[in-house]
PDB file of N, CA and C in Angstrom:
ATOM      1  N   UNK A   1       6.869 129.683 116.158  1.00  0.00           N
ATOM      2  CA  UNK A   1       7.586 129.837 117.416  1.00  0.00           C
ATOM      3  C   UNK A   1       6.707 129.440 118.600  1.00  0.00           C
ATOM      4  N   UNK A   2       7.333 128.923 119.609  1.00  0.00           N
ATOM      5  CA  UNK A   2       6.622 128.468 120.799  1.00  0.00           C
ATOM      6  C   UNK A   2       6.196 129.622 121.702  1.00  0.00           C
ATOM      7  N   UNK A   3       6.973 130.671 121.731  1.00  0.00           N
ATOM      8  CA  UNK A   3       6.737 131.760 122.675  1.00  0.00           C
ATOM      9  C   UNK A   3       5.342 132.382 122.591  1.00  0.00           C
ATOM     10  N   UNK A   4       4.802 132.669 121.408  1.00  0.00           N
ATOM     11  CA  UNK A   4       3.446 133.242 121.363  1.00  0.00           C
ATOM     12  C   UNK A   4       2.380 132.314 121.945  1.00  0.00           C
ATOM     13  N   UNK A   5       2.551 131.022 121.769  1.00  0.00           N
ATOM     14  CA  UNK A   5       1.593 130.053 122.326  1.00  0.00           C
ATOM     15  C   UNK A   5       1.650 130.097 123.851  1.00  0.00           C
ATOM     16  N   UNK A   6       2.851 130.111 124.383  1.00  0.00           N
ATOM     17  CA  UNK A   6       3.028 130.178 125.847  1.00  0.00           C
ATOM     18  C   UNK A   6       2.448 131.482 126.387  1.00  0.00           C
ATOM     19  N   UNK A   7       2.726 132.590 125.705  1.00  0.00           N
ATOM     20  CA  UNK A   7       2.202 133.884 126.159  1.00  0.00           C
ATOM     21  C   UNK A   7       0.681 133.888 126.188  1.00  0.00           C
ATOM     22  N   UNK A   8       0.051 133.335 125.164  1.00  0.00           N
ATOM     23  CA  UNK A   8      -1.418 133.289 125.114  1.00  0.00           C
ATOM     24  C   UNK A   8      -1.973 132.435 126.246  1.00  0.00           C
ATOM     25  N   UNK A   9      -1.370 131.263 126.473  1.00  0.00           N
ATOM     26  CA  UNK A   9      -1.828 130.404 127.567  1.00  0.00           C
ATOM     27  C   UNK A   9      -1.619 131.074 128.922  1.00  0.00           C
ATOM     28  N   UNK A  10      -0.501 131.764 129.076  1.00  0.00           N
ATOM     29  CA  UNK A  10      -0.232 132.456 130.343  1.00  0.00           C
ATOM     30  C   UNK A  10      -1.299 133.517 130.626  1.00  0.00           C
ATOM     31  N   UNK A  11      -1.777 134.175 129.575  1.00  0.00           N
ATOM     32  CA  UNK A  11      -2.852 135.170 129.743  1.00  0.00           C
ATOM     33  C   UNK A  11      -4.169 134.509 130.123  1.00  0.00           C
ATOM     34  N   UNK A  12      -4.412 133.323 129.580  1.00  0.00           N
ATOM     35  CA  UNK A  12      -5.690 132.636 129.801  1.00  0.00           C
ATOM     36  C   UNK A  12      -5.715 131.788 131.066  1.00  0.00           C
ATOM     37  N   UNK A  13      -4.585 131.232 131.437  1.00  0.00           N
ATOM     38  CA  UNK A  13      -4.532 130.264 132.546  1.00  0.00           C
ATOM     39  C   UNK A  13      -3.828 130.872 133.757  1.00  0.00           C
ATOM     40  N   UNK A  14      -4.568 131.552 134.573  1.00  0.00           N
ATOM     41  CA  UNK A  14      -3.988 132.173 135.772  1.00  0.00           C
ATOM     42  C   UNK A  14      -3.711 131.136 136.860  1.00  0.00           C
ATOM     43  N   UNK A  15      -4.211 129.901 136.679  1.00  0.00           N
ATOM     44  CA  UNK A  15      -3.979 128.834 137.655  1.00  0.00           C
ATOM     45  C   UNK A  15      -2.659 128.101 137.417  1.00  0.00           C
ATOM     46  N   UNK A  16      -1.948 128.473 136.344  1.00  0.00           N
ATOM     47  CA  UNK A  16      -0.690 127.818 135.984  1.00  0.00           C
ATOM     48  C   UNK A  16       0.394 128.883 135.911  1.00  0.00           C
ATOM     49  N   UNK A  17       1.562 128.578 136.450  1.00  0.00           N
ATOM     50  CA  UNK A  17       2.689 129.503 136.372  1.00  0.00           C
ATOM     51  C   UNK A  17       3.557 129.112 135.179  1.00  0.00           C
ATOM     52  N   UNK A  18       3.782 130.067 134.287  1.00  0.00           N
ATOM     53  CA  UNK A  18       4.617 129.858 133.115  1.00  0.00           C
ATOM     54  C   UNK A  18       5.895 130.670 133.277  1.00  0.00           C
ATOM     55  N   UNK A  19       7.023 130.062 132.997  1.00  0.00           N
ATOM     56  CA  UNK A  19       8.293 130.775 133.007  1.00  0.00           C
ATOM     57  C   UNK A  19       9.075 130.396 131.756  1.00  0.00           C
ATOM     58  N   UNK A  20       9.969 131.282 131.358  1.00  0.00           N
ATOM     59  CA  UNK A  20      10.822 131.032 130.201  1.00  0.00           C
ATOM     60  C   UNK A  20      12.270 131.193 130.647  1.00  0.00           C
ATOM     61  N   UNK A  21      13.149 130.509 129.937  1.00  0.00           N
ATOM     62  CA  UNK A  21      14.553 130.603 130.284  1.00  0.00           C
ATOM     63  C   UNK A  21      15.398 130.735 129.033  1.00  0.00           C
ATOM     64  N   UNK A  22      16.369 131.618 129.085  1.00  0.00           N
ATOM     65  CA  UNK A  22      17.360 131.760 128.031  1.00  0.00           C
ATOM     66  C   UNK A  22      18.468 130.752 128.328  1.00  0.00           C
ATOM     67  N   UNK A  23      18.512 129.676 127.563  1.00  0.00           N
ATOM     68  CA  UNK A  23      19.485 128.617 127.842  1.00  0.00           C
ATOM     69  C   UNK A  23      20.910 129.063 127.579  1.00  0.00           C
ATOM     70  N   UNK A  24      21.099 130.067 126.727  1.00  0.00           N
ATOM     71  CA  UNK A  24      22.446 130.582 126.501  1.00  0.00           C
ATOM     72  C   UNK A  24      22.972 131.322 127.729  1.00  0.00           C
ATOM     73  N   UNK A  25      22.084 131.986 128.433  1.00  0.00           N
ATOM     74  CA  UNK A  25      22.465 132.717 129.641  1.00  0.00           C
ATOM     75  C   UNK A  25      22.518 131.814 130.871  1.00  0.00           C
ATOM     76  N   UNK A  26      21.923 130.627 130.780  1.00  0.00           N
ATOM     77  CA  UNK A  26      21.856 129.680 131.897  1.00  0.00           C
ATOM     78  C   UNK A  26      22.275 128.285 131.420  1.00  0.00           C
ATOM     79  N   UNK A  27      23.526 128.090 131.033  1.00  0.00           N
ATOM     80  CA  UNK A  27      23.935 126.827 130.404  1.00  0.00           C
ATOM     81  C   UNK A  27      23.891 125.602 131.317  1.00  0.00           C
ATOM     82  N   UNK A  28      23.898 125.774 132.611  1.00  0.00           N
ATOM     83  CA  UNK A  28      23.870 124.614 133.506  1.00  0.00           C
ATOM     84  C   UNK A  28      22.480 123.999 133.640  1.00  0.00           C
ATOM     85  N   UNK A  29      21.443 124.806 133.473  1.00  0.00           N
ATOM     86  CA  UNK A  29      20.080 124.309 133.648  1.00  0.00           C
ATOM     87  C   UNK A  29      19.698 123.256 132.614  1.00  0.00           C
ATOM     88  N   UNK A  30      19.974 123.454 131.329  1.00  0.00           N
ATOM     89  CA  UNK A  30      19.639 122.385 130.373  1.00  0.00           C
ATOM     90  C   UNK A  30      20.332 121.064 130.702  1.00  0.00           C
ATOM     91  N   UNK A  31      21.561 121.135 131.160  1.00  0.00           N
ATOM     92  CA  UNK A  31      22.274 119.912 131.560  1.00  0.00           C
ATOM     93  C   UNK A  31      21.557 119.232 132.718  1.00  0.00           C
ATOM     94  N   UNK A  32      21.122 120.019 133.678  1.00  0.00           N
ATOM     95  CA  UNK A  32      20.453 119.484 134.865  1.00  0.00           C
ATOM     96  C   UNK A  32      19.198 118.688 134.500  1.00  0.00           C
ATOM     97  N   UNK A  33      18.466 119.165 133.488  1.00  0.00           N
ATOM     98  CA  UNK A  33      17.216 118.520 133.094  1.00  0.00           C
ATOM     99  C   UNK A  33      17.367 117.616 131.873  1.00  0.00           C
ATOM    100  N   UNK A  34      18.584 117.459 131.378  1.00  0.00           N
ATOM    101  CA  UNK A  34      18.817 116.595 130.228  1.00  0.00           C
ATOM    102  C   UNK A  34      18.230 117.139 128.937  1.00  0.00           C
ATOM    103  N   UNK A  35      18.175 118.445 128.817  1.00  0.00           N
ATOM    104  CA  UNK A  35      17.601 119.072 127.624  1.00  0.00           C
ATOM    105  C   UNK A  35      18.605 118.998 126.483  1.00  0.00           C
ATOM    106  N   UNK A  36      18.145 118.424 125.369  1.00  0.00           N
ATOM    107  CA  UNK A  36      19.000 118.249 124.197  1.00  0.00           C
ATOM    108  C   UNK A  36      18.495 119.047 123.001  1.00  0.00           C
ATOM    109  N   UNK A  37      17.274 119.575 123.071  1.00  0.00           N
ATOM    110  CA  UNK A  37      16.687 120.297 121.945  1.00  0.00           C
ATOM    111  C   UNK A  37      15.857 121.474 122.455  1.00  0.00           C
ATOM    112  N   UNK A  38      15.754 122.473 121.595  1.00  0.00           N
ATOM    113  CA  UNK A  38      14.965 123.655 121.905  1.00  0.00           C
ATOM    114  C   UNK A  38      13.885 123.759 120.835  1.00  0.00           C
ATOM    115  N   UNK A  39      12.635 123.965 121.185  1.00  0.00           N
ATOM    116  CA  UNK A  39      12.132 124.169 122.534  1.00  0.00           C
ATOM    117  C   UNK A  39      11.901 122.858 123.282  1.00  0.00           C
ATOM    118  N   UNK A  40      12.137 122.911 124.561  1.00  0.00           N
ATOM    119  CA  UNK A  40      11.755 121.853 125.487  1.00  0.00           C
ATOM    120  C   UNK A  40      10.917 122.498 126.573  1.00  0.00           C
ATOM    121  N   UNK A  41       9.771 121.943 126.816  1.00  0.00           N
ATOM    122  CA  UNK A  41       8.873 122.454 127.850  1.00  0.00           C
ATOM    123  C   UNK A  41       8.842 121.451 128.988  1.00  0.00           C
ATOM    124  N   UNK A  42       9.003 121.952 130.187  1.00  0.00           N
ATOM    125  CA  UNK A  42       8.994 121.100 131.371  1.00  0.00           C
ATOM    126  C   UNK A  42       7.747 121.428 132.180  1.00  0.00           C
ATOM    127  N   UNK A  43       6.974 120.415 132.471  1.00  0.00           N
ATOM    128  CA  UNK A  43       5.766 120.577 133.273  1.00  0.00           C
ATOM    129  C   UNK A  43       6.091 120.057 134.666  1.00  0.00           C
ATOM    130  N   UNK A  44       5.874 120.917 135.659  1.00  0.00           N
ATOM    131  CA  UNK A  44       6.138 120.533 137.050  1.00  0.00           C
ATOM    132  C   UNK A  44       4.841 120.623 137.837  1.00  0.00           C
ATOM    133  N   UNK A  45       4.705 119.725 138.777  1.00  0.00           N
ATOM    134  CA  UNK A  45       3.579 119.774 139.719  1.00  0.00           C
ATOM    135  C   UNK A  45       4.153 119.508 141.104  1.00  0.00           C
ATOM    136  N   UNK A  46       3.808 120.364 142.027  1.00  0.00           N
ATOM    137  CA  UNK A  46       4.314 120.258 143.396  1.00  0.00           C
ATOM    138  C   UNK A  46       5.840 120.200 143.422  1.00  0.00           C
ATOM    139  N   UNK A  47       6.475 120.968 142.508  1.00  0.00           N
ATOM    140  CA  UNK A  47       7.925 121.069 142.489  1.00  0.00           C
ATOM    141  C   UNK A  47       8.645 119.919 141.809  1.00  0.00           C
ATOM    142  N   UNK A  48       7.900 118.962 141.275  1.00  0.00           N
ATOM    143  CA  UNK A  48       8.513 117.802 140.627  1.00  0.00           C
ATOM    144  C   UNK A  48       8.173 117.791 139.146  1.00  0.00           C
ATOM    145  N   UNK A  49       9.154 117.409 138.323  1.00  0.00           N
ATOM    146  CA  UNK A  49       8.921 117.291 136.887  1.00  0.00           C
ATOM    147  C   UNK A  49       7.983 116.112 136.640  1.00  0.00           C
ATOM    148  N   UNK A  50       6.868 116.388 135.969  1.00  0.00           N
ATOM    149  CA  UNK A  50       5.911 115.329 135.665  1.00  0.00           C
ATOM    150  C   UNK A  50       5.859 115.018 134.175  1.00  0.00           C
ATOM    151  N   UNK A  51       6.363 115.946 133.362  1.00  0.00           N
ATOM    152  CA  UNK A  51       6.364 115.708 131.924  1.00  0.00           C
ATOM    153  C   UNK A  51       7.361 116.652 131.266  1.00  0.00           C
ATOM    154  N   UNK A  52       7.985 116.167 130.205  1.00  0.00           N
ATOM    155  CA  UNK A  52       8.910 116.979 129.429  1.00  0.00           C
ATOM    156  C   UNK A  52       8.512 116.843 127.962  1.00  0.00           C
ATOM    157  N   UNK A  53       8.249 117.973 127.319  1.00  0.00           N
ATOM    158  CA  UNK A  53       7.783 117.998 125.936  1.00  0.00           C
ATOM    159  C   UNK A  53       8.872 118.609 125.062  1.00  0.00           C
ATOM    160  N   UNK A  54       9.239 117.918 124.008  1.00  0.00           N
ATOM    161  CA  UNK A  54      10.302 118.389 123.121  1.00  0.00           C
ATOM    162  C   UNK A  54       9.698 118.764 121.774  1.00  0.00           C
ATOM    163  N   UNK A  55      10.102 119.929 121.266  1.00  0.00           N
ATOM    164  CA  UNK A  55       9.602 120.405 119.988  1.00  0.00           C
ATOM    165  C   UNK A  55       8.391 121.297 120.173  1.00  0.00           C
ATOM    166  N   UNK A  56       7.973 121.892 119.064  1.00  0.00           N
ATOM    167  CA  UNK A  56       6.833 122.806 119.094  1.00  0.00           C
ATOM    168  C   UNK A  56       5.573 122.082 119.564  1.00  0.00           C
ATOM    169  N   UNK A  57       4.832 122.752 120.438  1.00  0.00           N
ATOM    170  CA  UNK A  57       3.550 122.237 120.939  1.00  0.00           C
ATOM    171  C   UNK A  57       2.472 123.271 120.624  1.00  0.00           C
ATOM    172  N   UNK A  58       1.403 122.831 120.000  1.00  0.00           N
ATOM    173  CA  UNK A  58       0.290 123.744 119.721  1.00  0.00           C
ATOM    174  C   UNK A  58      -0.416 124.093 121.033  1.00  0.00           C
ATOM    175  N   UNK A  59      -1.234 125.112 120.970  1.00  0.00           N
ATOM    176  CA  UNK A  59      -2.014 125.513 122.153  1.00  0.00           C
ATOM    177  C   UNK A  59      -2.899 124.357 122.610  1.00  0.00           C
ATOM    178  N   UNK A  60      -3.503 123.666 121.663  1.00  0.00           N
ATOM    179  CA  UNK A  60      -4.379 122.541 121.995  1.00  0.00           C
ATOM    180  C   UNK A  60      -3.604 121.407 122.664  1.00  0.00           C
ATOM    181  N   UNK A  61      -2.410 121.124 122.161  1.00  0.00           N
ATOM    182  CA  UNK A  61      -1.574 120.070 122.768  1.00  0.00           C
ATOM    183  C   UNK A  61      -1.207 120.438 124.197  1.00  0.00           C
ATOM    184  N   UNK A  62      -0.845 121.693 124.409  1.00  0.00           N
ATOM    185  CA  UNK A  62      -0.470 122.127 125.753  1.00  0.00           C
ATOM    186  C   UNK A  62      -1.666 122.119 126.693  1.00  0.00           C
ATOM    187  N   UNK A  63      -2.819 122.510 126.201  1.00  0.00           N
ATOM    188  CA  UNK A  63      -4.023 122.458 127.039  1.00  0.00           C
ATOM    189  C   UNK A  63      -4.332 121.024 127.461  1.00  0.00           C
ATOM    190  N   UNK A  64      -4.163 120.080 126.552  1.00  0.00           N
ATOM    191  CA  UNK A  64      -4.380 118.672 126.872  1.00  0.00           C
ATOM    192  C   UNK A  64      -3.394 118.203 127.936  1.00  0.00           C
ATOM    193  N   UNK A  65      -2.139 118.577 127.776  1.00  0.00           N
ATOM    194  CA  UNK A  65      -1.119 118.193 128.758  1.00  0.00           C
ATOM    195  C   UNK A  65      -1.424 118.818 130.116  1.00  0.00           C
ATOM    196  N   UNK A  66      -1.724 120.094 130.137  1.00  0.00           N
ATOM    197  CA  UNK A  66      -2.005 120.772 131.408  1.00  0.00           C
ATOM    198  C   UNK A  66      -3.238 120.199 132.098  1.00  0.00           C
ATOM    199  N   UNK A  67      -4.220 119.764 131.323  1.00  0.00           N
ATOM    200  CA  UNK A  67      -5.433 119.230 131.928  1.00  0.00           C
ATOM    201  C   UNK A  67      -5.172 117.957 132.724  1.00  0.00           C
ATOM    202  N   UNK A  68      -4.092 117.279 132.423  1.00  0.00           N
ATOM    203  CA  UNK A  68      -3.745 116.063 133.186  1.00  0.00           C
ATOM    204  C   UNK A  68      -3.256 116.391 134.589  1.00  0.00           C
ATOM    205  N   UNK A  69      -2.795 117.620 134.797  1.00  0.00           N
ATOM    206  CA  UNK A  69      -2.160 117.967 136.076  1.00  0.00           C
ATOM    207  C   UNK A  69      -2.850 119.076 136.847  1.00  0.00           C
ATOM    208  N   UNK A  70      -3.931 119.617 136.287  1.00  0.00           N
ATOM    209  CA  UNK A  70      -4.660 120.671 136.996  1.00  0.00           C
ATOM    210  C   UNK A  70      -6.069 120.182 137.310  1.00  0.00           C
ATOM    211  N   UNK A  71      -6.645 120.774 138.308  1.00  0.00           N
ATOM    212  CA  UNK A  71      -7.999 120.378 138.739  1.00  0.00           C
ATOM    213  C   UNK A  71      -9.065 121.052 137.923  1.00  0.00           C
TER     214      UNK A  71
END
């Protein structure tokens, strides 16, 4: 599952804001972002989507992705 990886990163990376969404409770949001599969992770910087990751991402993969957008 993706959630434990996100939770661990959220504990370690106080410089990054992590949020989760229940797509069943918010059906319009996946349409807005063109989400076709779960899990989909959206990386935003300065309020703009900079990357969208589909499928399970390991902690190492997410750290690599985040390093592209953080100082």
